[in-house]
Protein backbone atom coordinates (compact mmCIF):
# COMPACT_ATOMS: atom_id res chain seq x y z
CA UNK A 1 -6.01 -23.68 -71.27
CA UNK A 2 -6.06 -27.37 -72.79
CA UNK A 3 -6.53 -30.60 -71.17
CA UNK A 4 -6.25 -33.64 -73.02
CA UNK A 5 -8.09 -36.80 -71.82
CA UNK A 6 -7.54 -40.33 -73.53
CA UNK A 7 -10.18 -42.85 -73.71
CA UNK A 8 -9.19 -46.26 -75.08
CA UNK A 9 -11.75 -48.28 -76.98
CA UNK A 10 -10.15 -51.32 -78.52
CA UNK A 11 -7.67 -50.15 -81.12
CA UNK A 12 -9.30 -46.60 -81.38
CA UNK A 13 -7.80 -44.01 -79.20
CA UNK A 14 -10.23 -41.19 -78.71
CA UNK A 15 -9.22 -37.82 -77.55
CA UNK A 16 -11.53 -35.45 -75.55
CA UNK A 17 -10.07 -32.05 -75.54
CA UNK A 18 -11.21 -29.21 -73.20
CA UNK A 19 -10.26 -25.74 -74.50
CA UNK A 20 -11.27 -22.77 -72.83
CA UNK A 21 -10.33 -19.12 -73.10
CA UNK A 22 -8.48 -17.44 -70.16
CA UNK A 23 -11.26 -15.12 -68.80
CA UNK A 24 -8.70 -12.62 -67.48
CA UNK A 25 -7.50 -11.89 -71.00
CA UNK A 26 -8.92 -9.19 -73.03
CA UNK A 27 -12.15 -10.58 -74.78
CA UNK A 28 -12.41 -9.89 -78.47
CA UNK A 29 -15.47 -11.71 -79.45
CA UNK A 30 -18.80 -10.61 -79.89
CA UNK A 31 -21.47 -11.30 -77.48
CA UNK A 32 -23.47 -14.60 -78.03
CA UNK A 33 -26.72 -14.62 -79.82
CA UNK A 34 -29.95 -16.66 -79.45
CA UNK A 35 -32.35 -17.34 -76.80
CA UNK A 36 -31.75 -19.06 -73.30
CA UNK A 37 -31.55 -22.68 -73.76
CA UNK A 38 -31.17 -22.62 -77.83
CA UNK A 39 -28.82 -25.51 -78.87
CA UNK A 40 -27.81 -25.23 -82.53
CA UNK A 41 -26.65 -28.45 -83.79
CA UNK A 42 -24.60 -28.36 -87.17
CA UNK A 43 -25.09 -31.93 -88.93
CA UNK A 44 -25.78 -33.26 -92.12
CA UNK A 45 -29.19 -34.35 -93.26
CA UNK A 46 -28.43 -37.97 -93.34
CA UNK A 47 -27.05 -38.13 -89.85
CA UNK A 48 -29.80 -35.98 -88.38
CA UNK A 49 -32.42 -38.37 -90.00
CA UNK A 50 -30.35 -41.32 -88.71
CA UNK A 51 -29.05 -42.71 -85.63
CA UNK A 52 -26.92 -39.61 -84.67
CA UNK A 53 -29.98 -37.28 -84.92
CA UNK A 54 -31.85 -39.86 -82.85
CA UNK A 55 -29.31 -39.87 -79.98
CA UNK A 56 -28.88 -36.08 -79.81
CA UNK A 57 -32.76 -35.51 -79.80
CA UNK A 58 -33.08 -38.07 -77.09
CA UNK A 59 -30.29 -36.23 -74.93
CA UNK A 60 -30.95 -32.61 -75.56
CA UNK A 61 -34.74 -32.90 -76.17
CA UNK A 62 -35.41 -35.03 -73.11
CA UNK A 63 -38.14 -33.31 -70.64
CA UNK A 64 -37.07 -31.02 -67.72
CA UNK A 65 -38.08 -32.65 -64.55
CA UNK A 66 -40.29 -30.85 -62.19
CA UNK A 67 -42.53 -28.93 -64.69
CA UNK A 68 -46.31 -29.01 -64.74
CA UNK A 69 -46.12 -29.38 -68.47
CA UNK A 70 -43.37 -31.21 -70.98
CA UNK A 71 -40.70 -28.85 -71.99
CA UNK A 72 -37.33 -29.99 -73.40
CA UNK A 73 -33.98 -29.20 -71.57
CA UNK A 74 -32.95 -27.52 -74.81
CA UNK A 75 -34.84 -26.02 -77.83
CA UNK A 76 -32.80 -27.64 -80.81
CA UNK A 77 -32.18 -25.95 -84.09
CA UNK A 78 -30.42 -28.11 -86.75
CA UNK A 79 -28.49 -26.86 -89.80
CA UNK A 80 -26.23 -28.71 -92.55
CA UNK A 81 -22.56 -27.67 -92.42
CA UNK A 82 -22.70 -25.77 -95.49
CA UNK A 83 -25.13 -23.40 -93.91
CA UNK A 84 -22.93 -22.90 -90.98
CA UNK A 85 -21.80 -19.31 -91.73
CA UNK A 86 -20.80 -16.20 -89.53
CA UNK A 87 -24.46 -15.40 -88.92
CA UNK A 88 -24.60 -18.73 -86.96
CA UNK A 89 -21.16 -18.82 -85.23
CA UNK A 90 -22.25 -16.31 -82.65
CA UNK A 91 -24.96 -18.75 -81.27
CA UNK A 92 -24.71 -19.42 -77.39
CA UNK A 93 -24.61 -23.15 -77.59
CA UNK A 94 -23.11 -25.03 -80.76
CA UNK A 95 -22.98 -28.78 -81.27
CA UNK A 96 -20.97 -29.83 -84.25
CA UNK A 97 -21.33 -33.29 -85.61
CA UNK A 98 -19.00 -34.69 -88.57
CA UNK A 99 -19.56 -38.47 -89.44
CA UNK A 100 -17.20 -39.23 -92.44
CA UNK A 101 -14.65 -41.50 -93.42
CA UNK A 102 -12.51 -38.53 -93.98
CA UNK A 103 -12.18 -38.10 -90.42
CA UNK A 104 -8.61 -38.89 -89.30
CA UNK A 105 -9.05 -38.78 -85.51
CA UNK A 106 -12.13 -39.86 -83.59
CA UNK A 107 -12.78 -37.30 -80.98
CA UNK A 108 -14.74 -34.81 -78.85
CA UNK A 109 -13.77 -31.26 -78.58
CA UNK A 110 -15.06 -29.14 -75.99
CA UNK A 111 -14.34 -25.37 -76.33
CA UNK A 112 -15.32 -22.12 -74.57
CA UNK A 113 -15.86 -18.96 -76.58
CA UNK A 114 -14.74 -20.15 -80.11
CA UNK A 115 -16.76 -17.33 -81.89
CA UNK A 116 -18.43 -15.35 -79.04
CA UNK A 117 -18.64 -14.76 -75.68
CA UNK A 118 -19.83 -16.47 -73.39
CA UNK A 119 -20.08 -19.29 -75.76
CA UNK A 120 -20.22 -23.18 -75.18
CA UNK A 121 -19.04 -25.33 -78.09
CA UNK A 122 -18.86 -29.00 -78.70
CA UNK A 123 -17.49 -30.92 -81.86
CA UNK A 124 -17.69 -34.68 -82.30
CA UNK A 125 -15.86 -36.11 -85.02
CA UNK A 126 -16.37 -39.85 -86.07
CA UNK A 127 -15.49 -42.24 -89.06
CA UNK A 128 -18.80 -43.82 -89.30
CA UNK A 129 -22.22 -43.94 -87.35
CA UNK A 130 -20.89 -47.13 -84.97
CA UNK A 131 -17.92 -44.98 -83.77
CA UNK A 132 -20.26 -41.78 -83.35
CA UNK A 133 -22.53 -43.92 -81.23
CA UNK A 134 -19.98 -45.03 -78.99
CA UNK A 135 -18.17 -41.66 -78.48
CA UNK A 136 -21.59 -39.84 -77.78
CA UNK A 137 -22.75 -42.62 -75.47
CA UNK A 138 -19.72 -42.57 -73.47
CA UNK A 139 -19.72 -38.74 -73.36
CA UNK A 140 -23.32 -37.57 -73.46
CA UNK A 141 -23.70 -36.88 -69.67
CA UNK A 142 -20.59 -34.78 -69.69
CA UNK A 143 -21.49 -32.89 -72.90
CA UNK A 144 -25.04 -32.26 -71.53
CA UNK A 145 -23.65 -31.04 -68.00
CA UNK A 146 -21.34 -28.72 -69.97
CA UNK A 147 -24.30 -27.01 -71.83
CA UNK A 148 -26.57 -26.89 -68.82
CA UNK A 149 -23.67 -25.25 -66.72
CA UNK A 150 -22.87 -22.87 -69.55
CA UNK A 151 -26.58 -21.53 -69.21
CA UNK A 152 -26.44 -21.21 -65.43
CA UNK A 153 -23.20 -19.44 -65.50
CA UNK A 154 -24.71 -16.81 -67.95
CA UNK A 155 -27.54 -16.16 -65.58
CA UNK A 156 -25.42 -16.07 -62.53
CA UNK A 157 -22.84 -13.64 -64.11
CA UNK A 158 -25.67 -11.25 -64.78
CA UNK A 159 -26.93 -11.43 -61.21
CA UNK A 160 -23.54 -10.85 -59.85
CA UNK A 161 -23.30 -7.46 -61.94
CA UNK A 162 -26.90 -6.15 -61.33
CA UNK A 163 -28.85 -7.30 -58.29
CA UNK A 164 -31.57 -5.97 -55.78
CA UNK A 165 -29.72 -4.30 -52.90
CA UNK A 166 -32.82 -3.91 -50.75
CA UNK A 167 -33.40 -7.73 -50.88
CA UNK A 168 -29.55 -8.14 -50.40
CA UNK A 169 -29.64 -5.95 -47.24
CA UNK A 170 -32.71 -7.32 -45.69
CA UNK A 171 -31.26 -11.08 -45.87
CA UNK A 172 -27.94 -9.69 -44.47
CA UNK A 173 -29.39 -8.03 -41.65
CA UNK A 174 -32.09 -10.25 -40.46
CA UNK A 175 -31.04 -13.85 -41.38
CA UNK A 176 -27.45 -13.63 -41.66
CA UNK A 177 -27.08 -14.55 -45.39
CA UNK A 178 -27.00 -12.98 -48.67
CA UNK A 179 -28.60 -13.59 -52.04
CA UNK A 180 -28.20 -11.92 -55.27
CA UNK A 181 -31.65 -11.60 -57.25
CA UNK A 182 -32.40 -9.18 -60.26
CA UNK A 183 -33.71 -5.60 -59.78
CA UNK A 184 -37.42 -5.56 -59.54
CA UNK A 185 -37.68 -8.01 -56.79
CA UNK A 186 -39.59 -6.53 -53.78
CA UNK A 187 -39.82 -7.77 -50.11
CA UNK A 188 -43.35 -8.74 -49.59
CA UNK A 189 -42.97 -10.29 -45.85
CA UNK A 190 -40.11 -9.73 -43.54
CA UNK A 191 -40.07 -11.31 -39.89
CA UNK A 192 -37.50 -12.98 -37.51
CA UNK A 193 -36.00 -15.78 -39.51
CA UNK A 194 -38.21 -15.46 -42.47
CA UNK A 195 -38.36 -13.42 -45.79
CA UNK A 196 -40.53 -13.64 -48.76
CA UNK A 197 -39.55 -11.42 -51.77
CA UNK A 198 -40.88 -11.56 -55.37
CA UNK A 199 -41.13 -10.37 -58.63
CA UNK A 200 -44.57 -9.72 -60.16
CA UNK A 201 -46.17 -8.96 -63.36
CA UNK A 202 -49.74 -9.20 -64.80
CA UNK A 203 -48.43 -12.60 -66.41
CA UNK A 204 -45.89 -14.27 -64.20
CA UNK A 205 -44.69 -14.34 -60.64
CA UNK A 206 -41.23 -15.38 -59.44
CA UNK A 207 -40.73 -15.48 -55.84
CA UNK A 208 -38.39 -16.71 -53.24
CA UNK A 209 -38.95 -17.49 -49.44
CA UNK A 210 -35.94 -17.69 -46.90
CA UNK A 211 -36.16 -19.18 -43.44
CA UNK A 212 -34.10 -20.82 -40.82
CA UNK A 213 -34.72 -23.50 -37.78
CA UNK A 214 -32.48 -25.21 -35.60
CA UNK A 215 -30.57 -28.11 -36.67
CA UNK A 216 -31.13 -30.77 -34.09
CA UNK A 217 -30.08 -34.11 -35.59
CA UNK A 218 -28.92 -35.87 -38.90
CA UNK A 219 -32.76 -36.93 -39.47
CA UNK A 220 -33.25 -33.06 -40.23
CA UNK A 221 -31.67 -33.88 -43.75
CA UNK A 222 -34.62 -36.59 -44.71
CA UNK A 223 -37.10 -35.72 -47.63
CA UNK A 224 -40.14 -36.26 -45.19
CA UNK A 225 -38.84 -34.00 -42.48
CA UNK A 226 -37.83 -31.16 -44.70
CA UNK A 227 -40.99 -31.53 -46.67
CA UNK A 228 -43.05 -31.33 -43.63
CA UNK A 229 -41.26 -28.24 -42.21
CA UNK A 230 -41.55 -26.59 -45.81
CA UNK A 231 -45.31 -27.25 -45.71
CA UNK A 232 -45.97 -25.62 -42.46
CA UNK A 233 -43.90 -22.47 -43.09
CA UNK A 234 -45.88 -22.15 -46.58
CA UNK A 235 -49.13 -22.75 -44.81
CA UNK A 236 -48.28 -20.03 -42.19
CA UNK A 237 -47.29 -17.25 -44.62
CA UNK A 238 -48.34 -17.87 -48.18
CA UNK A 239 -52.07 -17.54 -49.36
CA UNK A 240 -54.30 -16.10 -51.97
CA UNK A 241 -57.43 -14.02 -51.62
CA UNK A 242 -59.69 -17.49 -51.65
CA UNK A 243 -60.88 -18.07 -48.33
CA UNK A 244 -58.91 -20.71 -46.40
CA UNK A 245 -56.14 -20.90 -49.14
CA UNK A 246 -52.58 -21.79 -48.45
CA UNK A 247 -49.58 -22.88 -50.38
CA UNK A 248 -48.14 -26.54 -50.00
CA UNK A 249 -46.30 -28.76 -52.03
CA UNK A 250 -47.95 -31.12 -54.63
CA UNK A 251 -47.83 -34.88 -53.04
CA UNK A 252 -49.52 -36.60 -56.06
CA UNK A 253 -46.19 -36.45 -58.07
CA UNK A 254 -43.16 -37.08 -56.56
CA UNK A 255 -40.46 -34.57 -56.03
CA UNK A 256 -36.83 -35.15 -57.06
CA UNK A 257 -34.70 -35.08 -53.90
CA UNK A 258 -30.89 -35.08 -53.68
CA UNK A 259 -28.34 -34.77 -51.01
CA UNK A 260 -25.63 -32.28 -52.15
CA UNK A 261 -23.04 -29.95 -51.16
CA UNK A 262 -23.38 -26.17 -51.45
CA UNK A 263 -20.59 -23.59 -50.79
CA UNK A 264 -18.89 -26.83 -49.39
CA UNK A 265 -21.74 -27.14 -46.81
CA UNK A 266 -24.15 -30.22 -46.26
CA UNK A 267 -27.34 -29.37 -48.04
CA UNK A 268 -30.06 -30.93 -50.09
CA UNK A 269 -32.00 -30.00 -53.35
CA UNK A 270 -35.66 -30.68 -54.07
CA UNK A 271 -37.33 -30.16 -57.25
CA UNK A 272 -41.26 -30.33 -57.50
CA UNK A 273 -44.49 -28.73 -58.00
CA UNK A 274 -46.44 -26.53 -55.35
CA UNK A 275 -50.36 -26.10 -55.45
CA UNK A 276 -52.52 -23.52 -53.58
CA UNK A 277 -55.39 -25.58 -51.53
CA UNK A 278 -58.83 -24.21 -51.78
CA UNK A 279 -57.63 -22.51 -54.94
CA UNK A 280 -56.63 -23.14 -58.62
CA UNK A 281 -53.09 -21.99 -58.66
CA UNK A 282 -49.76 -23.98 -58.95
CA UNK A 283 -46.29 -24.14 -60.68
CA UNK A 284 -42.74 -25.60 -60.25
CA UNK A 285 -40.19 -24.90 -57.46
CA UNK A 286 -36.73 -25.68 -56.34
CA UNK A 287 -35.81 -25.90 -52.77
CA UNK A 288 -32.30 -25.70 -51.36
CA UNK A 289 -31.97 -26.61 -47.68
CA UNK A 290 -28.52 -25.91 -46.30
CA UNK A 291 -26.43 -26.64 -42.99
CA UNK A 292 -24.96 -23.64 -41.17
CA UNK A 293 -22.85 -25.41 -38.95
CA UNK A 294 -21.55 -22.59 -36.95
CA UNK A 295 -25.13 -21.41 -36.15
CA UNK A 296 -26.34 -24.93 -35.62
CA UNK A 297 -29.22 -24.13 -37.98
CA UNK A 298 -30.79 -24.95 -41.34
CA UNK A 299 -31.06 -22.20 -43.78
CA UNK A 300 -33.69 -23.22 -46.30
CA UNK A 301 -34.62 -21.23 -49.60
CA UNK A 302 -37.70 -22.10 -51.73
CA UNK A 303 -38.17 -20.43 -55.05
CA UNK A 304 -41.13 -21.04 -57.10
CA UNK A 305 -42.84 -19.72 -60.44
CA UNK A 306 -46.43 -19.01 -61.33
CA UNK A 307 -46.92 -18.34 -64.94
CA UNK A 308 -50.28 -19.89 -66.16
CA UNK A 309 -50.50 -20.90 -69.83
CA UNK A 310 -46.84 -20.13 -70.28
CA UNK A 311 -43.74 -22.17 -70.73
CA UNK A 312 -41.91 -22.27 -67.38
CA UNK A 313 -38.50 -23.64 -67.88
CA UNK A 314 -36.55 -20.56 -68.39
CA UNK A 315 -38.37 -18.77 -65.50
CA UNK A 316 -37.55 -21.58 -63.05
CA UNK A 317 -33.81 -21.57 -64.49
CA UNK A 318 -33.66 -18.02 -63.41
CA UNK A 319 -35.10 -18.54 -60.00
CA UNK A 320 -32.71 -21.50 -59.56
CA UNK A 321 -30.00 -19.23 -60.11
CA UNK A 322 -30.99 -16.87 -57.44
CA UNK A 323 -31.61 -19.68 -55.02
CA UNK A 324 -27.83 -21.11 -55.73
CA UNK A 325 -26.46 -17.33 -55.00
CA UNK A 326 -27.22 -18.02 -51.24
CA UNK A 327 -24.37 -17.45 -49.01
CA UNK A 328 -23.67 -17.67 -45.29
CA UNK A 329 -22.32 -14.35 -43.72
CA UNK A 330 -20.04 -16.97 -41.48
CA UNK A 331 -18.92 -19.14 -44.25
CA UNK A 332 -15.37 -18.70 -43.40
CA UNK A 333 -16.02 -20.31 -39.81
CA UNK A 334 -18.17 -22.78 -41.57
CA UNK A 335 -15.13 -23.88 -43.87
CA UNK A 336 -13.03 -24.62 -40.89
CA UNK A 337 -15.62 -26.75 -39.33
CA UNK A 338 -16.14 -28.53 -42.69
CA UNK A 339 -12.40 -29.22 -42.82
CA UNK A 340 -12.16 -30.53 -39.53
CA UNK A 341 -15.05 -32.91 -40.20
CA UNK A 342 -13.58 -34.14 -43.20
CA UNK A 343 -10.41 -34.77 -41.53
CA UNK A 344 -12.07 -36.69 -38.91
CA UNK A 345 -13.44 -38.92 -41.37
């Protein structure tokens, strides 16, 4: 499938071409290589040391919000075009940069599965640095989202195939929702309208808490209300062996709160840090609070990571994919309500 989008800038017509492979067709590519969140940048040494490299590093090397230490969105690897041989062409994320007077058409090309599967590839072609800067500045958010979404889709596709059925069944039966988490997660606590499941190793812990409570008014979807509710649930159920310890959200560093749609339902997403009061534990979290209109309730999912002395970006990204797999059992009825609400507006 190809989509052609034209951007007019003075006398220059810039084409952004979105190319993707038909996922229903037979896949003839090799699997992608490289680690999660690796980004291979194919660029000349002069461009890398100049303004193009500065812009690329500023966008893809910016720090991930909501982590206790500084970690970039992507781990950038740069090579010159002459070194871009077959060994590199299977990389999961590839950004190709050409800045040269020989370029006949300034453009941004976005391709799926150019040399491997599932692969994300972006080409930026410009005749000079000024043209590149304009192209990149106008499209950097779109390009960044493309690579971020590609990483999320890879994780989600894996969980769709292989997931822990015990957790799936507990949520389905007791909370009227489903989620897909990888094998190895075990249910730690199971109560009415509450479940806590986790994956533990000697080095890290990934865990998800799911609970629900009545939806009473629009004021429910405020950061202060949802934070207070979350903290009350965490204090009730999550603690360590230290006397008087309990989990809560860190207040000294502001959380990132956004109202969103999830599965076409009204929802909010929060990213921040958690701590254990009266103990020395903490880490990053992502929370999803979603309206289940047909049942007049809020379903809340709180996913967190504990990985002392380790980078946490990838672990949290995995938890985020699990959190976003949330589905309401009565979503078809919610869809009807959501449609009626939108028609009324």
